[in-house]
Protein backbone atom coordinates (compact mmCIF):
# COMPACT_ATOMS: atom_id res chain seq x y z
CA MET A 1 -13.65 -21.82 -10.33
CA GLU A 2 -15.40 -18.83 -11.91
CA VAL A 3 -17.38 -16.83 -9.35
CA LEU A 4 -18.31 -13.74 -11.33
CA SER A 5 -18.83 -13.08 -15.03
CA VAL A 6 -19.91 -10.00 -16.95
CA LYS A 7 -20.92 -10.27 -20.60
CA ASP A 8 -21.46 -7.39 -23.02
CA LEU A 9 -22.51 -5.02 -20.23
CA LYS A 10 -23.74 -1.58 -21.26
CA PHE A 11 -25.00 1.17 -18.99
CA SER A 12 -26.37 4.67 -19.56
CA TYR A 13 -27.28 7.34 -17.01
CA TYR A 14 -30.51 9.29 -17.47
CA LEU A 15 -29.59 12.97 -17.81
CA ASN A 16 -33.22 14.05 -18.26
CA GLU A 17 -36.42 12.69 -19.79
CA THR A 18 -34.90 12.41 -23.26
CA ASP A 19 -31.09 12.36 -22.94
CA THR A 20 -28.72 9.70 -21.65
CA PHE A 21 -24.97 9.43 -21.01
CA HIS A 22 -23.27 6.20 -22.11
CA ALA A 23 -21.06 5.34 -19.12
CA LEU A 24 -20.16 1.74 -20.01
CA GLN A 25 -19.88 -0.03 -23.38
CA ASN A 26 -19.37 -3.74 -24.16
CA ILE A 27 -17.84 -4.72 -20.82
CA THR A 28 -16.89 -8.42 -20.68
CA PHE A 29 -14.69 -10.13 -18.07
CA SER A 30 -14.67 -12.99 -15.58
CA VAL A 31 -13.22 -13.47 -12.10
CA GLU A 32 -11.91 -16.67 -10.53
CA GLN A 33 -12.32 -17.73 -6.90
CA GLY A 34 -9.78 -15.98 -4.63
CA GLU A 35 -8.52 -13.53 -7.25
CA MET A 36 -7.79 -9.87 -6.59
CA VAL A 37 -8.77 -7.86 -9.65
CA LEU A 38 -7.64 -4.23 -9.96
CA PHE A 39 -9.79 -1.82 -12.00
CA CYS A 40 -7.92 1.33 -13.01
CA GLY A 41 -8.02 4.15 -15.52
CA LEU A 42 -8.22 7.91 -15.84
CA CYS A 43 -10.87 9.92 -13.96
CA GLY A 44 -14.39 9.31 -15.30
CA CYS A 45 -13.52 6.08 -17.14
CA GLY A 46 -16.38 4.17 -15.46
CA LYS A 47 -14.65 2.22 -12.66
CA THR A 48 -17.04 3.17 -9.86
CA THR A 49 -20.12 2.80 -12.06
CA LEU A 50 -19.05 -0.73 -12.99
CA LEU A 51 -18.32 -1.68 -9.38
CA LYS A 52 -21.75 -0.44 -8.21
CA LEU A 53 -23.53 -2.40 -10.93
CA LEU A 54 -22.05 -5.58 -9.44
CA LYS A 55 -23.93 -4.94 -6.16
CA GLU A 56 -27.64 -4.98 -6.93
CA GLU A 57 -28.79 -2.91 -3.93
CA ILE A 58 -26.69 0.13 -4.86
CA ARG A 59 -26.98 0.08 -8.64
CA PRO A 60 -27.32 3.64 -9.99
CA ASP A 61 -30.46 4.73 -11.80
CA GLY A 62 -30.12 4.21 -15.53
CA LYS A 63 -30.49 1.77 -18.42
CA MET A 64 -28.51 -1.47 -18.15
CA GLU A 65 -28.03 -4.12 -20.83
CA GLY A 66 -25.99 -7.31 -20.80
CA GLU A 67 -25.45 -10.09 -18.26
CA ILE A 68 -23.99 -10.17 -14.74
CA GLU A 69 -23.70 -13.62 -13.19
CA ASN A 70 -22.60 -13.85 -9.55
CA ARG A 71 -22.16 -17.38 -8.19
CA TYR A 72 -22.75 -16.17 -4.62
CA GLY A 73 -25.44 -13.56 -5.21
CA SER A 74 -25.72 -10.04 -3.87
CA MET A 75 -26.18 -11.10 -0.22
CA GLN A 76 -22.67 -12.57 -0.14
CA THR A 77 -21.13 -9.63 -1.96
CA GLY A 78 -19.91 -6.75 0.23
CA TYR A 79 -19.25 -3.19 -0.95
CA LEU A 80 -16.83 -0.80 0.76
CA PHE A 81 -17.14 2.91 -0.10
CA GLN A 82 -14.13 5.23 -0.38
CA ASN A 83 -15.47 7.63 2.26
CA PRO A 84 -15.44 5.89 5.68
CA GLU A 85 -18.19 8.21 6.93
CA GLN A 86 -20.57 7.17 4.16
CA GLN A 87 -21.09 3.64 5.45
CA ILE A 88 -21.46 4.15 9.21
CA VAL A 89 -25.00 4.46 10.56
CA CYS A 90 -24.87 3.43 14.25
CA ARG A 91 -23.84 5.23 17.46
CA THR A 92 -21.36 2.73 18.89
CA VAL A 93 -18.79 0.41 17.35
CA GLU A 94 -20.54 -2.70 18.67
CA GLU A 95 -23.88 -1.64 17.18
CA GLU A 96 -22.23 -0.88 13.84
CA LEU A 97 -20.41 -4.21 13.80
CA VAL A 98 -23.64 -6.23 13.96
CA PHE A 99 -25.94 -3.85 12.05
CA GLY A 100 -25.70 -5.67 8.71
CA ALA A 101 -25.98 -9.09 10.30
CA GLU A 102 -29.14 -7.99 12.15
CA ASN A 103 -30.70 -6.87 8.88
CA MET A 104 -29.94 -10.30 7.43
CA ASP A 105 -31.90 -11.87 10.32
CA MET A 106 -28.86 -13.73 11.62
CA PRO A 107 -29.84 -15.64 14.81
CA ARG A 108 -28.82 -13.68 17.91
CA ASP A 109 -26.66 -16.41 19.43
CA GLU A 110 -24.80 -16.87 16.15
CA MET A 111 -24.46 -13.09 15.80
CA ALA A 112 -23.03 -12.69 19.32
CA ARG A 113 -20.55 -15.52 18.78
CA SER A 114 -19.48 -14.18 15.37
CA ALA A 115 -19.07 -10.62 16.69
CA ALA A 116 -16.89 -11.78 19.60
CA GLU A 117 -14.77 -13.98 17.34
CA LEU A 118 -14.36 -11.30 14.66
CA ALA A 119 -13.52 -8.53 17.15
CA ALA A 120 -10.77 -10.70 18.60
CA TYR A 121 -9.50 -11.69 15.14
CA LEU A 122 -9.31 -8.06 13.99
CA GLY A 123 -8.03 -6.72 17.31
CA ILE A 124 -10.87 -4.22 17.82
CA GLU A 125 -12.20 -5.45 21.20
CA LYS A 126 -10.98 -2.36 23.05
CA MET A 127 -13.03 0.01 20.92
CA LEU A 128 -16.32 -1.95 20.88
CA HIS A 129 -18.05 0.43 23.30
CA GLU A 130 -16.63 3.63 21.82
CA SER A 131 -18.69 6.11 19.80
CA THR A 132 -18.26 5.67 16.07
CA GLN A 133 -17.83 9.45 15.77
CA SER A 134 -14.76 9.33 18.04
CA LEU A 135 -12.88 6.99 15.67
CA SER A 136 -10.18 8.09 13.26
CA GLY A 137 -10.70 7.64 9.53
CA GLY A 138 -8.56 4.52 9.54
CA GLN A 139 -10.47 2.98 12.45
CA LYS A 140 -13.77 3.74 10.71
CA GLN A 141 -12.66 2.02 7.52
CA ILE A 142 -11.47 -1.04 9.47
CA LEU A 143 -14.85 -1.05 11.25
CA ASN A 144 -16.61 -0.87 7.87
CA LEU A 145 -14.61 -3.87 6.69
CA ALA A 146 -15.40 -5.72 9.93
CA SER A 147 -19.12 -5.03 9.47
CA LEU A 148 -18.94 -6.53 6.00
CA LEU A 149 -17.08 -9.59 7.27
CA MET A 150 -19.84 -10.13 9.87
CA MET A 151 -22.17 -10.89 6.94
CA LYS A 152 -19.76 -13.60 5.73
CA PRO A 153 -19.25 -12.34 2.17
CA ARG A 154 -17.47 -14.36 -0.51
CA ILE A 155 -16.78 -11.35 -2.74
CA LEU A 156 -15.61 -7.86 -1.68
CA LEU A 157 -16.02 -4.77 -3.89
CA LEU A 158 -13.72 -1.93 -2.79
CA ASP A 159 -14.05 1.60 -4.19
CA GLU A 160 -10.80 3.49 -3.48
CA PRO A 161 -10.80 2.17 0.10
CA VAL A 162 -7.62 3.96 1.29
CA SER A 163 -7.95 7.30 -0.51
CA GLN A 164 -8.77 9.16 2.72
CA LEU A 165 -6.43 7.31 5.09
CA ASP A 166 -3.06 8.48 6.41
CA PRO A 167 0.04 6.35 5.65
CA VAL A 168 -0.04 4.44 8.95
CA CYS A 169 -3.77 3.71 8.73
CA THR A 170 -3.30 2.69 5.10
CA TRP A 171 -0.57 0.25 6.11
CA GLU A 172 -2.82 -1.23 8.83
CA PHE A 173 -5.78 -1.53 6.45
CA MET A 174 -3.73 -3.20 3.70
CA ASN A 175 -2.23 -5.72 6.13
CA LEU A 176 -5.71 -6.55 7.40
CA LEU A 177 -7.04 -6.91 3.85
CA LYS A 178 -4.22 -9.32 2.95
CA LYS A 179 -4.92 -11.31 6.11
CA VAL A 180 -8.66 -11.78 5.52
CA ARG A 181 -8.08 -12.57 1.85
CA GLU A 182 -5.62 -15.33 2.70
CA ASP A 183 -7.53 -16.71 5.69
CA PHE A 184 -11.03 -16.66 4.18
CA GLY A 185 -10.23 -17.12 0.47
CA LEU A 186 -12.12 -13.97 -0.45
CA THR A 187 -12.42 -12.72 -4.00
CA ILE A 188 -11.65 -8.99 -4.16
CA LEU A 189 -12.42 -6.45 -6.87
CA VAL A 190 -10.95 -3.00 -6.24
CA ALA A 191 -11.22 0.30 -8.15
CA GLU A 192 -8.23 2.42 -7.23
CA HIS A 193 -5.93 5.26 -8.37
CA ASN A 194 -3.24 4.29 -5.84
CA LEU A 195 -1.48 1.59 -7.83
CA ASP A 196 1.54 1.61 -5.47
CA LEU A 197 -0.53 -0.38 -2.97
CA PHE A 198 -2.81 -2.59 -5.04
CA LEU A 199 -0.88 -3.38 -8.23
CA PRO A 200 1.65 -5.62 -6.39
CA GLU A 201 -1.24 -7.64 -4.90
CA ALA A 202 -3.36 -7.89 -8.06
CA ASP A 203 -3.73 -11.18 -9.94
CA LYS A 204 -5.40 -9.42 -12.85
CA VAL A 205 -5.55 -5.80 -14.05
CA ILE A 206 -8.51 -4.35 -15.95
CA TYR A 207 -7.67 -0.97 -17.47
CA MET A 208 -10.67 1.14 -18.54
CA GLU A 209 -10.85 4.02 -20.97
CA ASN A 210 -13.99 6.02 -21.84
CA GLY A 211 -16.32 3.36 -20.49
CA ARG A 212 -14.62 0.46 -22.25
CA ILE A 213 -12.04 -2.15 -21.26
CA ASN A 214 -8.76 -1.31 -22.99
CA TYR A 215 -6.72 -4.09 -21.36
CA GLN A 216 -7.23 -7.07 -19.07
CA GLY A 217 -4.51 -9.46 -18.04
CA LYS A 218 -1.30 -9.80 -16.03
CA LYS A 219 0.27 -6.78 -14.36
CA ASP A 220 3.71 -7.06 -15.95
CA LEU A 221 2.27 -6.85 -19.47
CA PHE A 222 -0.05 -4.07 -18.32
CA ILE A 223 2.91 -1.98 -17.13
CA ARG A 224 4.75 -2.47 -20.42
CA LYS A 225 1.64 -1.53 -22.38
CA MET A 226 1.21 1.68 -20.38
CA PHE A 227 4.79 2.77 -21.11
CA GLN A 228 4.43 1.90 -24.78
CA GLU A 229 0.97 3.29 -25.52
CA GLU A 230 -0.83 5.17 -22.74
CA LYS A 231 1.48 8.06 -21.93
CA LYS A 232 -1.10 9.85 -19.74
CA PHE A 233 -1.61 6.88 -17.44
CA VAL A 234 2.12 6.36 -16.89
CA GLU A 235 1.88 9.02 -14.15
CA SER A 236 -0.42 6.67 -12.18
CA LEU A 237 2.03 3.76 -12.13
CA PRO A 238 3.90 2.97 -8.88
CA GLU A 239 6.82 5.31 -8.20
CA THR A 240 9.25 2.38 -8.00
CA VAL A 241 8.16 1.17 -11.44
CA LYS A 242 8.57 4.62 -13.01
CA LEU A 243 12.04 5.01 -11.49
CA TYR A 244 13.10 1.55 -12.69
CA HIS A 245 11.86 2.36 -16.20
CA GLU A 246 13.75 5.67 -16.08
CA ALA A 247 16.89 3.71 -15.21
CA GLU A 248 16.21 1.46 -18.24
CA GLY A 249 15.83 -1.62 -16.07
CA THR A 250 15.04 -4.86 -17.89
CA GLU A 251 14.32 -7.37 -15.12
CA GLU A 252 11.15 -7.98 -13.06
CA TRP A 253 9.32 -4.79 -12.04
CA PRO A 254 10.17 -3.73 -8.45
CA PHE A 255 7.27 -2.71 -6.21
CA THR A 256 9.14 -1.72 -3.03
CA ALA A 257 11.96 0.69 -2.30
CA ALA A 258 14.16 -2.16 -1.09
CA THR A 259 13.74 -4.27 -4.25
CA LEU A 260 14.25 -1.22 -6.45
CA ILE A 261 17.51 -0.17 -4.85
CA LYS A 262 18.89 -3.71 -5.06
CA ALA A 263 17.95 -3.89 -8.74
CA LEU A 264 19.99 -0.76 -9.55
CA ASN A 265 23.73 -0.57 -10.01
CA GLN A 266 25.87 2.13 -8.39
CA GLU A 267 25.76 4.43 -11.42
CA GLN A 268 21.96 4.20 -11.73
CA ARG A 269 21.60 5.05 -8.04
CA LYS A 270 23.72 8.17 -8.39
CA VAL A 271 21.67 9.40 -11.36
CA LEU A 272 18.26 8.75 -9.82
CA PHE A 273 19.11 9.75 -6.24
CA PRO A 274 21.72 12.53 -6.17
CA GLU A 275 23.08 13.43 -2.75
CA ASP A 276 21.93 17.05 -3.15
CA LEU A 277 18.41 17.17 -1.68
CA GLU A 278 17.78 20.58 -3.22
CA LEU A 279 16.58 21.95 0.09
CA GLU A 280 15.12 25.43 -0.09
CA GLU A 281 15.62 27.40 3.09
CA SER A 282 14.13 30.76 2.05
CA ARG A 283 10.84 31.56 3.78
CA GLY A 284 9.44 33.41 0.73
CA GLY A 285 7.71 36.79 0.67
CA GLN A 286 5.28 38.53 3.01
CA GLU A 287 3.91 36.81 6.11
CA VAL A 288 0.20 36.21 5.37
CA ILE A 289 -0.78 33.95 8.28
CA LEU A 290 0.45 34.21 11.88
CA ILE A 291 -0.58 32.04 14.83
CA ARG A 292 0.96 32.20 18.30
CA GLY A 293 -0.21 29.95 21.13
CA GLY A 294 -3.47 28.93 19.43
CA TYR A 295 -5.92 26.68 21.31
CA PHE A 296 -9.15 25.18 19.94
CA ARG A 297 -11.70 22.65 21.21
CA TYR A 298 -15.16 21.70 19.94
CA GLU A 299 -16.82 21.53 23.36
CA LYS A 300 -16.32 23.76 26.38
CA ASN A 301 -15.18 20.90 28.60
CA GLY A 302 -13.76 18.77 25.81
CA ARG A 303 -10.14 18.08 24.92
CA ASP A 304 -8.04 20.53 22.96
CA ILE A 305 -7.85 19.56 19.29
CA LEU A 306 -5.26 22.28 18.67
CA ARG A 307 -3.05 23.47 21.51
CA ASP A 308 -0.19 25.92 21.92
CA LEU A 309 0.03 26.06 18.13
CA ASP A 310 2.56 28.39 16.48
CA LEU A 311 2.59 28.91 12.72
CA SER A 312 3.91 31.44 10.19
CA LEU A 313 3.10 31.10 6.48
CA TYR A 314 4.40 33.33 3.68
CA SER A 315 3.26 34.42 0.23
CA GLY A 316 4.81 32.77 -2.80
CA ARG A 317 5.11 29.43 -1.01
CA ILE A 318 3.40 26.05 -1.13
CA TYR A 319 3.12 24.19 2.18
CA GLY A 320 2.13 20.57 2.76
CA LEU A 321 0.29 19.73 6.00
CA ILE A 322 0.53 16.09 7.07
CA GLY A 323 -0.44 14.05 10.13
CA GLY A 324 -2.60 11.13 11.18
CA ASN A 325 -6.36 10.79 10.67
CA GLY A 326 -8.00 12.82 13.43
CA ALA A 327 -4.89 14.93 14.11
CA GLY A 328 -6.80 18.16 13.49
CA LYS A 329 -5.69 19.11 9.97
CA SER A 330 -9.18 19.90 8.64
CA THR A 331 -9.99 21.62 11.93
CA LEU A 332 -6.98 23.89 11.49
CA LEU A 333 -8.12 24.83 7.98
CA SER A 334 -11.58 25.73 9.27
CA VAL A 335 -10.02 27.96 11.96
CA LEU A 336 -7.78 29.66 9.40
CA LEU A 337 -10.80 30.39 7.22
CA GLY A 338 -12.81 31.76 10.15
CA TYR A 339 -15.46 29.03 10.32
CA ARG A 340 -14.21 28.38 13.85
CA ARG A 341 -12.11 30.41 16.28
CA PHE A 342 -9.27 29.82 18.71
CA TYR A 343 -10.47 30.32 22.27
CA ARG A 344 -6.97 31.39 23.25
CA GLY A 345 -3.95 32.73 21.39
CA LYS A 346 -3.10 35.21 18.64
CA TYR A 347 -4.25 34.81 15.03
CA GLN A 348 -3.73 37.19 12.10
CA ALA A 349 -4.38 36.52 8.41
CA ASN A 350 -4.48 38.57 5.24
CA PRO A 351 -7.81 38.78 3.37
CA GLY A 352 -8.59 36.92 0.16
CA MET A 353 -8.72 33.35 1.46
CA ALA A 354 -10.56 30.35 -0.07
CA LEU A 355 -11.03 26.73 1.03
CA LEU A 356 -11.47 23.53 -0.96
CA PRO A 357 -13.36 21.25 1.47
CA GLN A 358 -12.34 17.62 1.95
CA ASN A 359 -15.71 16.57 0.54
CA PRO A 360 -16.00 18.55 -2.73
CA ALA A 361 -19.79 18.10 -2.72
CA TYR A 362 -19.92 20.72 0.06
CA ALA A 363 -18.72 23.35 -2.44
CA PHE A 364 -21.96 23.20 -4.44
CA LEU A 365 -25.43 24.58 -3.76
CA LYS A 366 -27.22 24.73 -7.13
CA ASP A 367 -28.59 22.23 -9.63
CA THR A 368 -26.02 23.00 -12.32
CA LEU A 369 -22.34 23.85 -12.18
CA MET A 370 -22.95 27.04 -14.15
CA ASP A 371 -25.57 28.26 -11.67
CA ASP A 372 -23.13 27.52 -8.84
CA CYS A 373 -20.36 29.48 -10.53
CA ARG A 374 -22.66 32.40 -11.36
CA MET A 375 -23.29 32.85 -7.62
CA ILE A 376 -19.76 34.23 -7.22
CA ALA A 377 -18.55 35.27 -10.68
CA SER A 378 -19.62 36.83 -13.96
CA VAL A 379 -19.94 34.90 -17.21
CA GLU A 380 -16.85 36.76 -18.44
CA ARG A 381 -14.78 35.60 -15.44
CA ILE A 382 -16.00 32.00 -15.90
CA GLU A 383 -14.98 32.09 -19.56
CA GLU A 384 -11.61 33.61 -18.66
CA LEU A 385 -10.78 30.84 -16.17
CA LEU A 386 -11.95 28.11 -18.56
CA ASN A 387 -9.36 29.31 -21.08
CA GLU A 388 -6.65 30.04 -18.51
CA ASP A 389 -5.35 26.59 -17.65
CA VAL A 390 -5.32 23.11 -19.20
CA PHE A 391 -6.45 21.63 -15.87
CA PHE A 392 -9.91 23.04 -16.58
CA SER A 393 -10.14 21.84 -20.19
CA ASP A 394 -12.97 19.41 -19.35
CA VAL A 395 -14.97 21.74 -17.12
CA ARG A 396 -16.86 23.46 -19.97
CA GLN A 397 -18.75 20.25 -20.84
CA TRP A 398 -19.92 19.91 -17.22
CA LEU A 399 -21.39 23.41 -16.83
CA SER A 400 -24.94 22.26 -17.62
CA LYS A 401 -24.70 19.19 -15.34
CA ASN A 402 -25.53 18.82 -11.68
CA PRO A 403 -22.09 18.79 -10.02
CA LEU A 404 -23.20 15.99 -7.70
CA ASP A 405 -23.69 13.74 -10.73
CA LEU A 406 -20.03 13.99 -11.72
CA SER A 407 -17.47 11.32 -10.92
CA GLY A 408 -15.23 11.81 -7.87
CA GLY A 409 -12.32 13.20 -9.89
CA GLN A 410 -14.56 15.39 -12.03
CA MET A 411 -16.30 16.82 -8.96
CA GLN A 412 -12.90 17.57 -7.43
CA LYS A 413 -11.84 19.54 -10.52
CA ALA A 414 -15.16 21.38 -10.65
CA ALA A 415 -14.80 22.41 -6.99
CA VAL A 416 -11.27 23.71 -7.62
CA PHE A 417 -12.58 25.66 -10.61
CA LYS A 418 -15.31 27.28 -8.54
CA ILE A 419 -13.09 28.43 -5.66
CA LEU A 420 -10.49 29.86 -8.08
CA LEU A 421 -13.10 32.07 -9.77
CA LYS A 422 -12.52 34.70 -7.06
CA ASP A 423 -8.73 34.56 -7.61
CA PRO A 424 -7.84 34.11 -3.90
CA ASP A 425 -4.41 35.11 -2.58
CA ILE A 426 -4.48 32.40 0.10
CA LEU A 427 -5.62 28.92 -0.92
CA LEU A 428 -6.44 26.16 1.58
CA LEU A 429 -6.80 22.74 -0.04
CA ASP A 430 -8.12 19.77 1.96
CA GLU A 431 -7.20 16.48 0.25
CA PRO A 432 -7.35 17.99 -3.28
CA VAL A 433 -5.90 15.00 -5.19
CA LYS A 434 -7.58 12.03 -3.49
CA ALA A 435 -9.84 11.30 -6.48
CA LEU A 436 -7.44 12.32 -9.26
CA ASP A 437 -5.47 9.94 -11.45
CA GLY A 438 -1.73 10.38 -11.92
CA TYR A 439 -2.02 12.50 -15.08
CA GLU A 440 -4.54 14.87 -13.49
CA LYS A 441 -2.28 15.18 -10.43
CA GLU A 442 0.60 16.25 -12.65
CA VAL A 443 -1.50 18.89 -14.43
CA PHE A 444 -2.86 20.13 -11.09
CA LEU A 445 0.68 20.31 -9.69
CA GLN A 446 1.72 22.60 -12.54
CA LEU A 447 -1.33 24.82 -11.89
CA LEU A 448 -0.36 25.22 -8.23
CA LYS A 449 3.22 26.08 -9.16
CA ARG A 450 2.02 28.79 -11.54
CA MET A 451 -0.16 30.22 -8.77
CA LYS A 452 2.85 30.21 -6.45
CA GLU A 453 4.83 32.20 -9.03
CA LYS A 454 2.06 34.83 -8.88
CA GLY A 455 2.70 35.23 -5.14
CA LYS A 456 -0.15 33.05 -3.85
CA MET A 457 0.20 31.16 -0.56
CA ILE A 458 -1.08 27.59 -0.83
CA LEU A 459 -1.57 25.18 2.08
CA VAL A 460 -2.24 21.60 0.98
CA VAL A 461 -3.54 18.93 3.37
CA SER A 462 -2.87 15.53 1.84
CA HIS A 463 -2.02 11.93 2.60
CA ASP A 464 -0.46 11.68 -0.87
CA LEU A 465 3.15 12.25 0.16
CA GLU A 466 4.52 11.60 -3.33
CA PHE A 467 2.44 14.54 -4.57
CA LEU A 468 3.52 16.77 -1.68
CA GLN A 469 7.19 16.00 -2.26
CA ARG A 470 6.86 17.26 -5.82
CA VAL A 471 4.72 20.35 -5.18
CA ALA A 472 5.47 21.69 -1.70
CA ASP A 473 8.37 23.88 -0.56
CA GLU A 474 7.95 22.85 3.08
CA CYS A 475 6.02 20.22 5.00
CA LEU A 476 4.36 20.76 8.38
CA PHE A 477 3.71 17.76 10.63
CA LEU A 478 0.67 18.20 12.90
CA TYR A 479 0.84 15.99 15.99
CA ASP A 480 -0.73 16.28 19.45
CA GLY A 481 -2.44 19.54 18.48
CA LYS A 482 0.67 21.42 17.38
CA ILE A 483 3.18 21.66 14.56
CA SER A 484 5.82 19.18 15.70
CA ALA A 485 8.06 19.63 12.64
CA GLN A 486 8.40 22.12 9.80
CA GLU A 487 11.13 21.71 7.21
CA ALA A 488 11.86 21.23 3.52
CA CYS A 489 10.00 18.18 2.18
CA GLY A 490 13.18 16.50 0.94
CA ARG A 491 14.75 16.55 4.39
CA MET A 492 11.56 15.54 6.21
CA PHE A 493 10.88 12.52 4.03
CA VAL A 494 14.46 11.26 4.31
CA ASN A 495 14.33 11.52 8.10
CA ASN A 496 10.83 9.98 8.42
CA ARG A 497 10.30 6.20 8.42
CA PHE A 498 6.52 5.96 7.94
CA TYR A 499 5.37 9.36 6.66
CA THR A 500 7.73 9.26 3.72
CA THR A 501 8.01 8.66 -0.02
CA VAL A 502 9.78 6.11 -2.19
CA LYS A 503 12.64 8.53 -2.83
CA GLY A 504 12.73 9.42 0.87
CA LYS A 505 13.01 5.75 1.82
CA ILE A 506 15.71 5.08 -0.74
CA LYS A 507 17.81 8.11 0.20
CA GLY A 508 17.55 6.98 3.80
CA MET A 509 18.71 3.50 2.79
CA LEU A 510 21.62 4.93 0.80
CA GLN A 511 22.77 6.69 3.95
CA ASP A 512 22.73 3.33 5.74
CA GLU A 513 25.95 1.62 4.71
CA SER A 514 24.91 -1.67 6.35
CA PHE A 515 21.86 -1.89 4.07
CA ILE A 516 23.93 -1.29 0.94
CA THR A 517 26.54 -3.82 2.09
CA ASN A 518 23.90 -6.48 2.67
C-alpha cells in the first residue's frame, strides 16, 4: 500500500527580494507501507530540504511546486533532527516525553497510560525524573524518538539521526529503531551520510545529485552503479563493500565484518589485511601541550568532568580523541583553548591555537561569510586560502551568502575555512566530519595531512572511527575524566571490541583461530 507520493516536486529558496536558489528539481518517488527509504548523496544535494518539505510544519521558506500526498497527514508524520539538542524543550525527561502528546490534546488518562507503556517498552523508566540536560547525546536522541512515538506516528523522517552519537549509543539507537519498525510497522525515510548503518536496512535507495534524483531502486544495483559511474560517492559506501570490491568479489555485497571475512579466501585476506599494523611509535616534534593532574568541574560543588588528567601532545602529529557522549571531550577542548580553566593541576600550551566548535554555526557572527572572514583576515589572505587547497574549491561561491543558510556540510567547510585564515599552529577540531560525505572526508583528510607535514599539531574529536584510523597517528580514549588509553590507532582498534573499525574488527577476528576455523 502506497503511503507517500511525491510528483514533479520543485523548490527554490529566496535569497533576496529578486533572486532564488533552485534546491530541488523534478523530484518524483513513492513509498510503500513499512518501507525504509534511504536518501543519500554528496553534501548540498538537497536531502535535508526534501525531508523537511515532507513535514508541513517545518517546511523552509521558499517557492514550492508539485504534489506531495501523505496518506496519514502531517500529524502522523514525525521528524527527528540530527542534533539531539535541537528537539528538546522541557526540563525533565517525563515532561519531554509527553510534550508533543499534550500539544495534540491527547486525553490525560490516555497520555498517562501511553507514557507508562512506552517508557517500559523502551527501557527508560529509570531516567523519567532526570533533567534533560543531564542526559548524554545518545539518551537525548532516544528520548526524542520516544517523544515522537508518543504521538503514534505512521511515518518517521530522520535527518542524520546518529551523526552526533558515539559508537555504543549509535548501536543502541539502531537496535531501538529496528525494534519499533518491526513492532509498529512504521514507514521510515532517512537522510544519511553513514551508509554503513542504514544501507543494510534500506528497502529502497534514492541517490540525489544537484537537487535531482539520479537513482532510485534496490541497494545492490545502487552499489554497482556507484562503482561504475559515480567515483566521488564511492568513498561514502560501507567500508565492507569497498573492501569486497577491492578484492574483486562477485557474490552478494557483505555489510558486516563477519560476512566480509567469510566471503574472502586466504589470499584475499592477506592482501587486504596484512599482519603489519604499521604502528608509529615516534612522538613527533616539540611538545606543544602539557597537562599534569588536571581537574575541572562546571559547578563548585559539582562532580569532576575531568580529573587527574595527564596529557602530552607534540607538533607534527594528528591525534584522535574518542569516548562516549558526555565523557568530557568538548569540555577538554574548551579548557585547552582557554574558554575554561582547570581548578587544579598544571597546564602549559604554545600560542597560536584555534578551535572548530561542534556546532559550526557558533563560528559565525555576521550576515555574510565574507564579512565574517574579514573580521580576522585581509582580502589578500582570504584569496590566498581559497586558492591553497581543493577542499575550499566551493567556498568562493558562498562568500556572499549568510553562512547559516548553507547546508550542514557546506557550513562545516566554511567554518574550517574561517579558522584556518589565521594559520594556527595548534588546531582543535570538534566533530569536523559529521556532516561531510565520503568524498569530502577524503579531501579533508588530505588537507589535515598536509598541515601535519608543516609541523601543525591537530587534535580531532570524532565518533567517525573509520576517519580517525586513516588520519590520526595516535588515538586517546577519554573515560571517567582521564585519558585511559593512548596508542597508535591501528593497535587500539584491533584491541577494542566496540570503539573500533571494520579493519580493526577483522584483524581481531584473524587473530582468533576459532573464528577462522568455524
